[in-house]
Amino acid sequence: MVLILKEELRRILKKPMGQLFPNFEDAIKLIKKSKFFISVGDETTINLLKNNLTPNLAIIDNSIQRKLHNIDLNYTENVFKVNNPPGTITDQLWETIDLAIKKSVNENQLIVVNGEEDLAVLPCCLMAPDYGIILYGQPNQGLVILRISDIKEKAEKYIEMFDVK
């Protein structure tokens, strides 16, 4: 099964789903307080690692705003590779996120997506522990922080808005 993003939902998801921090540095204190955090996106993960903040799970696609980069983000030996075309959430991505979150309680995990990782935020919202946070970049606006406990219901509604193939 593949979930396919509808245009109506694409417009909704262009707005931050959580708290927006135009300056990454302003979010560091909040991130440090978190016992569990997931990073979705290369630039977000790069900024975390530069600030000695290691995500329990990072999901990247080796590109920043659709441009490939060659920055080494392998901060752990626990690396999963998945295929996930743009505008979709594949079963493979969903299952890999589920497994990686379960394993990330004990050891940091990294998922490298061949395709696009943007929509991985939604499955993470549904599967991450309630006490965790998810960090992702809002293009040209800053860092978004989602509290899992605050976003689960909204994420479920968004998932229901996808086309299923």
Protein backbone atom coordinates (compact mmCIF):
# COMPACT_ATOMS: atom_id res chain seq x y z
CA MET A 1 0.00 0.00 0.00
CA VAL A 2 1.16 3.52 -0.81
CA LEU A 3 -0.30 6.72 0.58
CA ILE A 4 -0.34 9.51 -2.02
CA LEU A 5 -0.45 13.16 -1.03
CA LYS A 6 -3.50 15.06 -2.27
CA GLU A 7 -3.14 18.67 -3.39
CA GLU A 8 -5.53 19.88 -0.66
CA LEU A 9 -3.35 18.29 2.03
CA ARG A 10 -0.16 19.59 0.40
CA ARG A 11 -1.49 23.15 0.95
CA ILE A 12 -2.29 22.37 4.60
CA LEU A 13 1.16 20.87 5.25
CA LYS A 14 2.92 23.95 3.87
CA LYS A 15 2.11 25.60 7.21
CA PRO A 16 4.10 24.62 10.32
CA MET A 17 2.34 21.90 12.33
CA GLY A 18 4.01 22.94 15.59
CA GLN A 19 6.09 25.69 17.15
CA LEU A 20 8.24 27.57 14.61
CA PHE A 21 11.70 28.80 15.57
CA PRO A 22 13.08 31.18 12.92
CA ASN A 23 16.52 30.85 14.61
CA PHE A 24 17.74 27.34 15.37
CA GLU A 25 19.67 28.58 18.41
CA ASP A 26 16.41 29.65 20.08
CA ALA A 27 15.23 26.03 20.08
CA ILE A 28 18.33 24.44 21.61
CA LYS A 29 17.20 24.78 25.24
CA LEU A 30 13.89 23.05 24.49
CA ILE A 31 15.62 20.27 22.52
CA LYS A 32 18.09 19.63 25.35
CA LYS A 33 15.17 19.12 27.78
CA SER A 34 13.68 16.38 25.60
CA LYS A 35 14.33 12.76 26.53
CA PHE A 36 13.57 11.55 23.00
CA PHE A 37 13.70 13.39 19.70
CA ILE A 38 13.40 12.62 16.03
CA SER A 39 14.90 14.75 13.28
CA VAL A 40 13.33 14.73 9.82
CA GLY A 41 15.39 16.41 7.14
CA ASP A 42 19.05 16.89 6.30
CA GLU A 43 19.45 20.53 7.30
CA THR A 44 17.72 19.95 10.63
CA THR A 45 19.95 16.94 11.33
CA ILE A 46 23.09 18.88 10.32
CA ASN A 47 22.17 21.73 12.69
CA LEU A 48 21.54 19.30 15.54
CA LEU A 49 24.85 17.51 15.08
CA LYS A 50 26.74 20.84 14.79
CA ASN A 51 25.32 21.71 18.21
CA ASN A 52 26.24 18.33 19.75
CA LEU A 53 22.59 17.24 19.85
CA THR A 54 22.25 13.67 18.61
CA PRO A 55 18.76 12.60 17.58
CA ASN A 56 17.45 9.23 18.70
CA LEU A 57 16.30 8.86 15.09
CA ALA A 58 17.11 10.96 12.04
CA ILE A 59 15.44 10.58 8.66
CA ILE A 60 17.30 12.12 5.72
CA ASP A 61 17.36 11.95 1.92
CA ASN A 62 20.81 13.50 1.23
CA SER A 63 19.28 16.68 -0.15
CA ILE A 64 18.42 20.13 1.15
CA GLN A 65 15.50 21.88 -0.56
CA ARG A 66 15.69 19.36 -3.42
CA LYS A 67 19.44 19.90 -3.98
CA LEU A 68 21.83 17.02 -3.31
CA HIS A 69 24.64 17.59 -0.82
CA ASN A 70 27.66 15.55 0.19
CA ILE A 71 27.76 16.23 3.92
CA ASP A 72 28.36 13.01 5.84
CA LEU A 73 25.48 12.49 8.28
CA ASN A 74 26.34 8.97 9.38
CA TYR A 75 26.40 9.61 13.13
CA THR A 76 25.52 5.99 13.94
CA GLU A 77 26.25 2.52 12.62
CA ASN A 78 22.52 1.73 12.74
CA VAL A 79 21.46 2.77 9.25
CA PHE A 80 18.34 1.74 7.34
CA LYS A 81 17.89 2.46 3.63
CA VAL A 82 14.42 2.78 2.11
CA ASN A 83 12.76 3.86 -1.12
CA ASN A 84 10.03 6.45 -0.86
CA PRO A 85 9.04 8.50 -3.94
CA PRO A 86 8.18 12.21 -3.51
CA GLY A 87 4.64 12.91 -2.33
CA THR A 88 4.14 9.43 -0.87
CA ILE A 89 4.40 7.35 2.27
CA THR A 90 5.24 3.76 1.29
CA ASP A 91 4.72 0.66 3.42
CA GLN A 92 8.50 0.26 3.42
CA LEU A 93 9.00 3.73 4.93
CA TRP A 94 6.21 3.19 7.47
CA GLU A 95 7.58 -0.20 8.60
CA THR A 96 11.16 1.08 8.75
CA ILE A 97 10.14 4.06 10.89
CA ASP A 98 8.27 1.71 13.23
CA LEU A 99 11.30 -0.57 13.62
CA ALA A 100 13.77 2.32 13.94
CA ILE A 101 11.70 4.04 16.65
CA LYS A 102 11.53 0.80 18.65
CA LYS A 103 15.31 0.35 18.35
CA SER A 104 16.11 4.02 18.97
CA VAL A 105 15.14 3.76 22.63
CA ASN A 106 18.46 1.93 23.15
CA GLU A 107 20.65 3.07 20.24
CA ASN A 108 20.52 5.99 17.83
CA GLN A 109 19.13 5.14 14.39
CA LEU A 110 19.36 6.72 10.94
CA ILE A 111 17.03 6.21 7.99
CA VAL A 112 18.36 7.23 4.58
CA VAL A 113 15.56 7.66 2.07
CA ASN A 114 16.04 7.21 -1.64
CA GLY A 115 13.41 9.65 -2.84
CA GLU A 116 11.93 12.09 -0.34
CA GLU A 117 11.63 12.06 3.44
CA ASP A 118 9.37 15.10 4.04
CA LEU A 119 6.17 13.18 4.78
CA ALA A 120 7.93 10.85 7.24
CA VAL A 121 6.96 13.37 9.92
CA LEU A 122 3.40 12.00 9.91
CA PRO A 123 4.16 8.31 10.63
CA CYS A 124 6.66 9.50 13.26
CA CYS A 125 3.87 11.47 14.95
CA LEU A 126 1.80 8.32 15.23
CA MET A 127 4.54 5.92 16.36
CA ALA A 128 6.91 7.95 18.54
CA PRO A 129 6.52 7.91 22.31
CA ASP A 130 4.16 10.57 23.66
CA TYR A 131 6.96 12.20 25.68
CA GLY A 132 9.06 12.83 22.54
CA ILE A 133 9.39 15.63 20.04
CA ILE A 134 9.87 15.77 16.28
CA LEU A 135 12.01 18.41 14.62
CA TYR A 136 11.78 19.35 10.96
CA GLY A 137 12.68 22.30 8.78
CA GLN A 138 10.04 24.62 7.38
CA PRO A 139 11.61 25.79 4.09
CA ASN A 140 12.89 29.37 4.30
CA GLN A 141 11.17 29.87 7.68
CA GLY A 142 13.05 27.91 10.33
CA LEU A 143 12.80 24.89 12.60
CA VAL A 144 9.48 23.36 13.65
CA ILE A 145 9.17 21.43 16.90
CA LEU A 146 6.21 19.11 17.41
CA ARG A 147 5.31 17.63 20.79
CA ILE A 148 4.11 14.10 20.06
CA SER A 149 1.40 14.26 22.71
CA ASP A 150 -0.03 17.41 21.06
CA ILE A 151 0.06 16.27 17.42
CA LYS A 152 -1.13 12.62 17.30
CA GLU A 153 -4.81 13.31 16.62
CA LYS A 154 -4.04 15.89 13.94
CA ALA A 155 -1.55 13.51 12.29
CA GLU A 156 -4.20 10.75 12.20
CA LYS A 157 -6.61 13.13 10.44
CA TYR A 158 -3.93 14.08 7.91
CA ILE A 159 -3.13 10.43 7.17
CA GLU A 160 -6.82 9.82 6.47
CA MET A 161 -6.72 12.61 3.84
CA PHE A 162 -4.19 10.74 1.62
CA ASP A 163 -5.22 8.75 -1.42
CA VAL A 164 -4.50 5.03 -1.01
CA LYS A 165 -3.01 3.03 -3.86
